[in-house]
Amino acid sequence: MDTKKASENLNAIRQEFQQDEKILENAFRLERLFRKYKYWIIAVVALIVIWGAYAIIYDTLREKKAQEISALYDELVQNPNNEVLRKSLQEKAPELYDLYALKLALESSEPSDALRALKDSQNPIVKQIAEYELASIERKGLEAIKGAFGDFAKVQEAYLLLSSGQIPQARAILTGIGEDSAMFGVASQMRHFGIKDYPLESDMKIQEVPAGADSGVKVDSGANAKAGADSGVESKNADSKNVDSSAGLDSGADASKNKQ
């Protein structure tokens, strides 16, 4: 029993040594790798630290700049005649300044010049609105409007054409508005303008009658013709009978007169 227990203890000690040997072996391998690539490892760690610090600083500065621009915009709205504030906003946030300039242009009684200047804005929303508003004021160039205001501009151009009596040209523009557009319902209603003088193509199409319906019509018409012919013959026969009876009465009357 003592020999068996001793052998078990020896096996356990051997396994522990083997595990420790593997741990030491892995440690030596890591040390060897670190010595071989230590400069690369240090560089990567340094880059990660620098990138993290840069991201934190950048976000902080951006947040601070956004707060400054927001405060500057609010102050300009309260003091619209302050040229210093206007130039400062234009330098720090040109797209936001264009949006502010668009607001002033739409509130102005003569916005054409301001809208022309905003047609080249770097703000895509301001650019589209300025192009559309300018084309609406000048009543030309609506066909060139693209983007979100494209279909709306088509409807407005078609309205101008309908007002001047150019119904076919207006319908040609309205046909270009697809069913997925928010203006499709309005365009469909406008296409019916002047329908008496200029019928729609859908109203001018001849609908084909099914073959069964044709045959039914032909049979009915033949039956009607036959019935008409039969009634005509019957009427003729009745007339001939009436003539014969009247002739018989006349001959009878003549005979009675001769007897007298």
C-alpha atoms as a PDB file:
ATOM      1  CA  MET A   1       0.000   0.000   0.000  1.00  0.00           C
ATOM      2  CA  ASP A   2       2.824   2.347   0.870  1.00  0.00           C
ATOM      3  CA  THR A   3       4.525   1.658  -2.460  1.00  0.00           C
ATOM      4  CA  LYS A   4       1.339   2.398  -4.409  1.00  0.00           C
ATOM      5  CA  LYS A   5       0.754   5.641  -2.537  1.00  0.00           C
ATOM      6  CA  ALA A   6       4.324   6.712  -3.089  1.00  0.00           C
ATOM      7  CA  SER A   7       4.060   6.088  -6.826  1.00  0.00           C
ATOM      8  CA  GLU A   8       0.917   8.186  -6.972  1.00  0.00           C
ATOM      9  CA  ASN A   9       2.681  11.040  -5.183  1.00  0.00           C
ATOM     10  CA  LEU A  10       5.578  10.822  -7.592  1.00  0.00           C
ATOM     11  CA  ASN A  11       3.219  10.997 -10.596  1.00  0.00           C
ATOM     12  CA  ALA A  12       1.502  14.070  -9.154  1.00  0.00           C
ATOM     13  CA  ILE A  13       4.849  15.766  -8.537  1.00  0.00           C
ATOM     14  CA  ARG A  14       5.964  14.906 -12.085  1.00  0.00           C
ATOM     15  CA  GLN A  15       2.795  16.445 -13.578  1.00  0.00           C
ATOM     16  CA  GLU A  16       3.297  19.622 -11.550  1.00  0.00           C
ATOM     17  CA  PHE A  17       6.854  19.888 -12.815  1.00  0.00           C
ATOM     18  CA  GLN A  18       5.669  19.402 -16.383  1.00  0.00           C
ATOM     19  CA  GLN A  19       3.095  22.191 -15.995  1.00  0.00           C
ATOM     20  CA  ASP A  20       5.679  24.504 -14.494  1.00  0.00           C
ATOM     21  CA  GLU A  21       8.011  23.634 -17.312  1.00  0.00           C
ATOM     22  CA  LYS A  22       5.386  24.626 -19.885  1.00  0.00           C
ATOM     23  CA  ILE A  23       4.747  27.903 -18.077  1.00  0.00           C
ATOM     24  CA  LEU A  24       8.440  28.698 -18.017  1.00  0.00           C
ATOM     25  CA  GLU A  25       8.759  27.747 -21.662  1.00  0.00           C
ATOM     26  CA  ASN A  26       5.920  30.119 -22.644  1.00  0.00           C
ATOM     27  CA  ALA A  27       7.449  32.866 -20.554  1.00  0.00           C
ATOM     28  CA  PHE A  28      10.793  32.447 -22.283  1.00  0.00           C
ATOM     29  CA  ARG A  29       9.072  32.577 -25.671  1.00  0.00           C
ATOM     30  CA  LEU A  30       7.259  35.796 -24.771  1.00  0.00           C
ATOM     31  CA  GLU A  31      10.468  37.305 -23.505  1.00  0.00           C
ATOM     32  CA  ARG A  32      12.227  36.320 -26.705  1.00  0.00           C
ATOM     33  CA  LEU A  33       9.439  37.850 -28.833  1.00  0.00           C
ATOM     34  CA  PHE A  34       9.432  41.040 -26.790  1.00  0.00           C
ATOM     35  CA  ARG A  35      13.189  41.432 -27.139  1.00  0.00           C
ATOM     36  CA  LYS A  36      12.894  40.824 -30.874  1.00  0.00           C
ATOM     37  CA  TYR A  37       9.949  43.223 -31.509  1.00  0.00           C
ATOM     38  CA  LYS A  38      10.125  45.530 -28.507  1.00  0.00           C
ATOM     39  CA  TYR A  39      10.578  48.684 -30.593  1.00  0.00           C
ATOM     40  CA  TRP A  40       7.554  47.837 -32.716  1.00  0.00           C
ATOM     41  CA  ILE A  41       5.475  47.062 -29.651  1.00  0.00           C
ATOM     42  CA  ILE A  42       6.500  50.302 -27.971  1.00  0.00           C
ATOM     43  CA  ALA A  43       5.655  52.248 -31.156  1.00  0.00           C
ATOM     44  CA  VAL A  44       2.193  50.675 -31.439  1.00  0.00           C
ATOM     45  CA  VAL A  45       1.381  51.383 -27.799  1.00  0.00           C
ATOM     46  CA  ALA A  46       2.594  54.951 -28.184  1.00  0.00           C
ATOM     47  CA  LEU A  47       0.422  55.438 -31.285  1.00  0.00           C
ATOM     48  CA  ILE A  48      -2.628  54.131 -29.466  1.00  0.00           C
ATOM     49  CA  VAL A  49      -2.017  56.499 -26.563  1.00  0.00           C
ATOM     50  CA  ILE A  50      -1.431  59.468 -28.864  1.00  0.00           C
ATOM     51  CA  TRP A  51      -4.545  58.674 -30.946  1.00  0.00           C
ATOM     52  CA  GLY A  52      -6.696  58.426 -27.830  1.00  0.00           C
ATOM     53  CA  ALA A  53      -5.382  61.743 -26.526  1.00  0.00           C
ATOM     54  CA  TYR A  54      -5.951  63.379 -29.940  1.00  0.00           C
ATOM     55  CA  ALA A  55      -9.538  62.103 -30.137  1.00  0.00           C
ATOM     56  CA  ILE A  56     -10.326  63.433 -26.684  1.00  0.00           C
ATOM     57  CA  ILE A  57      -8.777  66.835 -27.414  1.00  0.00           C
ATOM     58  CA  TYR A  58     -10.456  67.046 -30.853  1.00  0.00           C
ATOM     59  CA  ASP A  59     -13.901  66.275 -29.455  1.00  0.00           C
ATOM     60  CA  THR A  60     -13.407  68.817 -26.713  1.00  0.00           C
ATOM     61  CA  LEU A  61     -12.371  71.548 -29.140  1.00  0.00           C
ATOM     62  CA  ARG A  62     -15.175  70.729 -31.548  1.00  0.00           C
ATOM     63  CA  GLU A  63     -17.745  70.894 -28.772  1.00  0.00           C
ATOM     64  CA  LYS A  64     -16.317  74.213 -27.626  1.00  0.00           C
ATOM     65  CA  LYS A  65     -16.409  75.602 -31.189  1.00  0.00           C
ATOM     66  CA  ALA A  66     -19.998  74.459 -31.658  1.00  0.00           C
ATOM     67  CA  GLN A  67     -21.021  76.228 -28.466  1.00  0.00           C
ATOM     68  CA  GLU A  68     -19.267  79.413 -29.590  1.00  0.00           C
ATOM     69  CA  ILE A  69     -20.945  79.324 -33.016  1.00  0.00           C
ATOM     70  CA  SER A  70     -24.342  78.679 -31.465  1.00  0.00           C
ATOM     71  CA  ALA A  71     -23.912  81.618 -29.100  1.00  0.00           C
ATOM     72  CA  LEU A  72     -22.730  83.794 -31.995  1.00  0.00           C
ATOM     73  CA  TYR A  73     -25.743  82.851 -34.121  1.00  0.00           C
ATOM     74  CA  ASP A  74     -28.178  83.589 -31.304  1.00  0.00           C
ATOM     75  CA  GLU A  75     -26.561  86.977 -30.760  1.00  0.00           C
ATOM     76  CA  LEU A  76     -26.746  87.756 -34.496  1.00  0.00           C
ATOM     77  CA  VAL A  77     -30.442  86.863 -34.599  1.00  0.00           C
ATOM     78  CA  GLN A  78     -31.045  89.337 -31.802  1.00  0.00           C
ATOM     79  CA  ASN A  79     -28.863  91.988 -33.511  1.00  0.00           C
ATOM     80  CA  PRO A  80     -29.271  91.471 -37.279  1.00  0.00           C
ATOM     81  CA  ASN A  81     -27.685  94.840 -38.177  1.00  0.00           C
ATOM     82  CA  ASN A  82     -24.398  94.081 -36.428  1.00  0.00           C
ATOM     83  CA  GLU A  83     -21.856  93.717 -39.253  1.00  0.00           C
ATOM     84  CA  VAL A  84     -19.122  92.491 -36.923  1.00  0.00           C
ATOM     85  CA  LEU A  85     -21.213  89.533 -35.780  1.00  0.00           C
ATOM     86  CA  ARG A  86     -22.250  88.798 -39.357  1.00  0.00           C
ATOM     87  CA  LYS A  87     -18.674  88.673 -40.638  1.00  0.00           C
ATOM     88  CA  SER A  88     -17.575  86.593 -37.662  1.00  0.00           C
ATOM     89  CA  LEU A  89     -20.293  84.010 -38.317  1.00  0.00           C
ATOM     90  CA  GLN A  90     -19.478  83.967 -42.035  1.00  0.00           C
ATOM     91  CA  GLU A  91     -15.824  83.182 -41.259  1.00  0.00           C
ATOM     92  CA  LYS A  92     -16.392  80.595 -38.551  1.00  0.00           C
ATOM     93  CA  ALA A  93     -19.448  78.811 -39.997  1.00  0.00           C
ATOM     94  CA  PRO A  94     -20.100  79.736 -43.657  1.00  0.00           C
ATOM     95  CA  GLU A  95     -22.839  77.119 -44.170  1.00  0.00           C
ATOM     96  CA  LEU A  96     -24.746  78.322 -41.112  1.00  0.00           C
ATOM     97  CA  TYR A  97     -24.316  81.896 -42.295  1.00  0.00           C
ATOM     98  CA  ASP A  98     -25.804  80.960 -45.691  1.00  0.00           C
ATOM     99  CA  LEU A  99     -28.817  79.520 -43.893  1.00  0.00           C
ATOM    100  CA  TYR A 100     -29.192  82.786 -41.986  1.00  0.00           C
ATOM    101  CA  ALA A 101     -28.821  84.780 -45.216  1.00  0.00           C
ATOM    102  CA  LEU A 102     -31.512  82.628 -46.847  1.00  0.00           C
ATOM    103  CA  LYS A 103     -33.867  83.425 -43.975  1.00  0.00           C
ATOM    104  CA  LEU A 104     -33.285  87.155 -44.488  1.00  0.00           C
ATOM    105  CA  ALA A 105     -33.719  86.829 -48.259  1.00  0.00           C
ATOM    106  CA  LEU A 106     -37.087  85.074 -47.947  1.00  0.00           C
ATOM    107  CA  GLU A 107     -38.273  87.750 -45.541  1.00  0.00           C
ATOM    108  CA  SER A 108     -37.158  90.543 -47.879  1.00  0.00           C
ATOM    109  CA  SER A 109     -39.474  92.252 -50.370  1.00  0.00           C
ATOM    110  CA  GLU A 110     -36.830  91.974 -53.127  1.00  0.00           C
ATOM    111  CA  PRO A 111     -34.941  88.724 -52.532  1.00  0.00           C
ATOM    112  CA  SER A 112     -33.679  88.149 -56.090  1.00  0.00           C
ATOM    113  CA  ASP A 113     -30.126  89.460 -55.607  1.00  0.00           C
ATOM    114  CA  ALA A 114     -29.618  87.596 -52.351  1.00  0.00           C
ATOM    115  CA  LEU A 115     -30.976  84.370 -53.832  1.00  0.00           C
ATOM    116  CA  ARG A 116     -28.621  84.658 -56.811  1.00  0.00           C
ATOM    117  CA  ALA A 117     -25.703  84.887 -54.412  1.00  0.00           C
ATOM    118  CA  LEU A 118     -26.927  81.832 -52.482  1.00  0.00           C
ATOM    119  CA  LYS A 119     -27.219  79.661 -55.618  1.00  0.00           C
ATOM    120  CA  ASP A 120     -23.495  78.868 -55.236  1.00  0.00           C
ATOM    121  CA  SER A 121     -23.710  78.060 -51.531  1.00  0.00           C
ATOM    122  CA  GLN A 122     -21.742  75.127 -50.112  1.00  0.00           C
ATOM    123  CA  ASN A 123     -24.807  74.191 -48.090  1.00  0.00           C
ATOM    124  CA  PRO A 124     -26.799  71.825 -50.370  1.00  0.00           C
ATOM    125  CA  ILE A 125     -30.126  72.605 -48.691  1.00  0.00           C
ATOM    126  CA  VAL A 126     -29.625  76.350 -49.042  1.00  0.00           C
ATOM    127  CA  LYS A 127     -28.520  75.888 -52.652  1.00  0.00           C
ATOM    128  CA  GLN A 128     -31.663  73.947 -53.648  1.00  0.00           C
ATOM    129  CA  ILE A 129     -34.049  76.308 -51.871  1.00  0.00           C
ATOM    130  CA  ALA A 130     -32.365  79.370 -53.391  1.00  0.00           C
ATOM    131  CA  GLU A 131     -32.514  77.919 -56.916  1.00  0.00           C
ATOM    132  CA  TYR A 132     -36.187  77.024 -56.539  1.00  0.00           C
ATOM    133  CA  GLU A 133     -37.250  80.335 -55.009  1.00  0.00           C
ATOM    134  CA  LEU A 134     -35.368  82.317 -57.651  1.00  0.00           C
ATOM    135  CA  ALA A 135     -36.900  80.291 -60.482  1.00  0.00           C
ATOM    136  CA  SER A 136     -40.357  80.796 -58.953  1.00  0.00           C
ATOM    137  CA  ILE A 137     -39.876  84.560 -58.758  1.00  0.00           C
ATOM    138  CA  GLU A 138     -38.493  84.890 -62.274  1.00  0.00           C
ATOM    139  CA  ARG A 139     -40.916  82.241 -63.648  1.00  0.00           C
ATOM    140  CA  LYS A 140     -38.194  80.588 -65.676  1.00  0.00           C
ATOM    141  CA  GLY A 141     -35.688  77.854 -65.161  1.00  0.00           C
ATOM    142  CA  LEU A 142     -38.121  75.652 -63.219  1.00  0.00           C
ATOM    143  CA  GLU A 143     -37.407  72.712 -65.557  1.00  0.00           C
ATOM    144  CA  ALA A 144     -33.775  72.735 -64.409  1.00  0.00           C
ATOM    145  CA  ILE A 145     -34.622  72.281 -60.718  1.00  0.00           C
ATOM    146  CA  LYS A 146     -33.490  68.900 -59.423  1.00  0.00           C
ATOM    147  CA  GLY A 147     -33.458  67.128 -56.098  1.00  0.00           C
ATOM    148  CA  ALA A 148     -36.184  67.396 -53.473  1.00  0.00           C
ATOM    149  CA  PHE A 149     -37.851  70.388 -55.171  1.00  0.00           C
ATOM    150  CA  GLY A 150     -37.805  68.874 -58.672  1.00  0.00           C
ATOM    151  CA  ASP A 151     -41.381  67.557 -58.799  1.00  0.00           C
ATOM    152  CA  PHE A 152     -42.728  70.598 -56.977  1.00  0.00           C
ATOM    153  CA  ALA A 153     -41.063  72.819 -59.556  1.00  0.00           C
ATOM    154  CA  LYS A 154     -42.620  70.729 -62.355  1.00  0.00           C
ATOM    155  CA  VAL A 155     -46.081  71.230 -60.867  1.00  0.00           C
ATOM    156  CA  GLN A 156     -45.511  74.959 -60.610  1.00  0.00           C
ATOM    157  CA  GLU A 157     -44.212  75.161 -64.186  1.00  0.00           C
ATOM    158  CA  ALA A 158     -47.230  73.192 -65.404  1.00  0.00           C
ATOM    159  CA  TYR A 159     -49.524  75.582 -63.548  1.00  0.00           C
ATOM    160  CA  LEU A 160     -47.945  78.541 -65.312  1.00  0.00           C
ATOM    161  CA  LEU A 161     -48.417  76.816 -68.672  1.00  0.00           C
ATOM    162  CA  LEU A 162     -52.048  75.991 -67.895  1.00  0.00           C
ATOM    163  CA  SER A 163     -52.644  79.597 -66.909  1.00  0.00           C
ATOM    164  CA  SER A 164     -51.402  80.695 -70.314  1.00  0.00           C
ATOM    165  CA  GLY A 165     -53.516  78.089 -72.146  1.00  0.00           C
ATOM    166  CA  GLN A 166     -50.625  75.786 -73.124  1.00  0.00           C
ATOM    167  CA  ILE A 167     -52.418  72.629 -71.994  1.00  0.00           C
ATOM    168  CA  PRO A 168     -50.500  69.985 -74.054  1.00  0.00           C
ATOM    169  CA  GLN A 169     -47.138  71.357 -72.902  1.00  0.00           C
ATOM    170  CA  ALA A 170     -48.309  71.337 -69.275  1.00  0.00           C
ATOM    171  CA  ARG A 171     -49.499  67.742 -69.537  1.00  0.00           C
ATOM    172  CA  ALA A 172     -46.176  66.674 -71.009  1.00  0.00           C
ATOM    173  CA  ILE A 173     -44.441  68.041 -67.902  1.00  0.00           C
ATOM    174  CA  LEU A 174     -46.954  66.485 -65.483  1.00  0.00           C
ATOM    175  CA  THR A 175     -46.517  63.082 -67.125  1.00  0.00           C
ATOM    176  CA  GLY A 176     -42.894  63.077 -65.962  1.00  0.00           C
ATOM    177  CA  ILE A 177     -43.928  62.933 -62.281  1.00  0.00           C
ATOM    178  CA  GLY A 178     -43.770  59.322 -61.117  1.00  0.00           C
ATOM    179  CA  GLU A 179     -46.252  57.478 -58.925  1.00  0.00           C
ATOM    180  CA  ASP A 180     -43.751  57.359 -56.052  1.00  0.00           C
ATOM    181  CA  SER A 181     -43.678  61.160 -55.848  1.00  0.00           C
ATOM    182  CA  ALA A 182     -45.584  63.105 -53.206  1.00  0.00           C
ATOM    183  CA  MET A 183     -46.861  65.406 -55.992  1.00  0.00           C
ATOM    184  CA  PHE A 184     -48.341  62.578 -58.108  1.00  0.00           C
ATOM    185  CA  GLY A 185     -51.899  63.147 -56.847  1.00  0.00           C
ATOM    186  CA  VAL A 186     -51.769  66.871 -57.598  1.00  0.00           C
ATOM    187  CA  ALA A 187     -50.259  66.183 -61.030  1.00  0.00           C
ATOM    188  CA  SER A 188     -53.012  63.665 -61.872  1.00  0.00           C
ATOM    189  CA  GLN A 189     -55.708  66.199 -61.022  1.00  0.00           C
ATOM    190  CA  MET A 190     -54.035  68.966 -63.004  1.00  0.00           C
ATOM    191  CA  ARG A 191     -53.839  66.731 -66.097  1.00  0.00           C
ATOM    192  CA  HIS A 192     -57.662  66.859 -66.279  1.00  0.00           C
ATOM    193  CA  PHE A 193     -57.626  70.630 -66.754  1.00  0.00           C
ATOM    194  CA  GLY A 194     -59.101  71.506 -70.160  1.00  0.00           C
ATOM    195  CA  ILE A 195     -60.276  67.954 -70.808  1.00  0.00           C
ATOM    196  CA  LYS A 196     -63.158  69.153 -73.008  1.00  0.00           C
ATOM    197  CA  ASP A 197     -60.907  70.844 -75.524  1.00  0.00           C
ATOM    198  CA  TYR A 198     -57.977  68.439 -75.102  1.00  0.00           C
ATOM    199  CA  PRO A 199     -59.172  64.929 -74.135  1.00  0.00           C
ATOM    200  CA  LEU A 200     -56.715  62.730 -72.305  1.00  0.00           C
ATOM    201  CA  GLU A 201     -55.066  59.907 -74.221  1.00  0.00           C
ATOM    202  CA  SER A 202     -56.677  57.366 -71.904  1.00  0.00           C
ATOM    203  CA  ASP A 203     -60.141  58.720 -72.822  1.00  0.00           C
ATOM    204  CA  MET A 204     -59.343  58.520 -76.544  1.00  0.00           C
ATOM    205  CA  LYS A 205     -58.439  54.820 -76.533  1.00  0.00           C
ATOM    206  CA  ILE A 206     -60.964  52.415 -78.092  1.00  0.00           C
ATOM    207  CA  GLN A 207     -61.725  49.525 -75.808  1.00  0.00           C
ATOM    208  CA  GLU A 208     -61.783  46.129 -77.495  1.00  0.00           C
ATOM    209  CA  VAL A 209     -64.961  44.068 -77.085  1.00  0.00           C
ATOM    210  CA  PRO A 210     -64.455  40.371 -76.238  1.00  0.00           C
ATOM    211  CA  ALA A 211     -65.168  37.805 -78.933  1.00  0.00           C
ATOM    212  CA  GLY A 212     -68.045  36.320 -76.933  1.00  0.00           C
ATOM    213  CA  ALA A 213     -69.749  39.681 -76.740  1.00  0.00           C
ATOM    214  CA  ASP A 214     -69.444  40.158 -80.527  1.00  0.00           C
ATOM    215  CA  SER A 215     -71.011  36.793 -81.255  1.00  0.00           C
ATOM    216  CA  GLY A 216     -73.812  37.543 -78.858  1.00  0.00           C
ATOM    217  CA  VAL A 217     -74.492  40.832 -80.534  1.00  0.00           C
ATOM    218  CA  LYS A 218     -74.471  39.227 -83.950  1.00  0.00           C
ATOM    219  CA  VAL A 219     -76.945  36.547 -82.882  1.00  0.00           C
ATOM    220  CA  ASP A 220     -79.222  39.106 -81.286  1.00  0.00           C
ATOM    221  CA  SER A 221     -79.099  41.338 -84.342  1.00  0.00           C
ATOM    222  CA  GLY A 222     -79.847  38.390 -86.599  1.00  0.00           C
ATOM    223  CA  ALA A 223     -82.752  37.383 -84.425  1.00  0.00           C
ATOM    224  CA  ASN A 224     -84.044  40.908 -84.406  1.00  0.00           C
ATOM    225  CA  ALA A 225     -83.744  41.099 -88.194  1.00  0.00           C
ATOM    226  CA  LYS A 226     -85.532  37.791 -88.562  1.00  0.00           C
ATOM    227  CA  ALA A 227     -88.255  38.907 -86.188  1.00  0.00           C
ATOM    228  CA  GLY A 228     -88.609  42.113 -88.161  1.00  0.00           C
ATOM    229  CA  ALA A 229     -88.880  40.205 -91.397  1.00  0.00           C
ATOM    230  CA  ASP A 230     -91.448  37.851 -89.908  1.00  0.00           C
ATOM    231  CA  SER A 231     -93.503  40.741 -88.598  1.00  0.00           C
ATOM    232  CA  GLY A 232     -93.264  42.375 -92.024  1.00  0.00           C
ATOM    233  CA  VAL A 233     -94.544  39.223 -93.732  1.00  0.00           C
ATOM    234  CA  GLU A 234     -97.310  38.876 -91.206  1.00  0.00           C
ATOM    235  CA  SER A 235     -98.352  42.483 -91.748  1.00  0.00           C
ATOM    236  CA  LYS A 236     -98.368  41.931 -95.490  1.00  0.00           C
ATOM    237  CA  ASN A 237    -100.473  38.788 -95.113  1.00  0.00           C
ATOM    238  CA  ALA A 238    -102.886  40.669 -92.871  1.00  0.00           C
ATOM    239  CA  ASP A 239    -103.156  43.445 -95.409  1.00  0.00           C
ATOM    240  CA  SER A 240    -103.823  40.961 -98.222  1.00  0.00           C
ATOM    241  CA  LYS A 241    -106.526  39.262 -96.136  1.00  0.00           C
ATOM    242  CA  ASN A 242    -108.129  42.587 -95.429  1.00  0.00           C
ATOM    243  CA  VAL A 243    -108.079  43.392 -99.141  1.00  0.00           C
ATOM    244  CA  ASP A 244    -109.603  40.008-100.006  1.00  0.00           C
ATOM    245  CA  SER A 245    -112.351  40.375 -97.430  1.00  0.00           C
ATOM    246  CA  SER A 246    -113.167  43.888 -98.598  1.00  0.00           C
ATOM    247  CA  ALA A 247    -113.220  42.664-102.189  1.00  0.00           C
ATOM    248  CA  GLY A 248    -115.620  39.860-101.192  1.00  0.00           C
ATOM    249  CA  LEU A 249    -117.951  42.278 -99.484  1.00  0.00           C
ATOM    250  CA  ASP A 250    -117.952  44.526-102.487  1.00  0.00           C
ATOM    251  CA  SER A 251    -118.730  41.621-104.825  1.00  0.00           C
ATOM    252  CA  GLY A 252    -121.549  40.453-102.529  1.00  0.00           C
ATOM    253  CA  ALA A 253    -123.077  43.890-102.477  1.00  0.00           C
ATOM    254  CA  ASP A 254    -122.964  44.075-106.251  1.00  0.00           C
ATOM    255  CA  ALA A 255    -124.667  40.709-106.550  1.00  0.00           C
ATOM    256  CA  SER A 256    -127.493  41.731-104.257  1.00  0.00           C
ATOM    257  CA  LYS A 257    -128.039  44.865-106.255  1.00  0.00           C
ATOM    258  CA  ASN A 258    -128.298  42.855-109.502  1.00  0.00           C
ATOM    259  CA  LYS A 259    -130.869  40.538-107.942  1.00  0.00           C
ATOM    260  CA  GLN A 260    -133.005  43.499-106.958  1.00  0.00           C
END
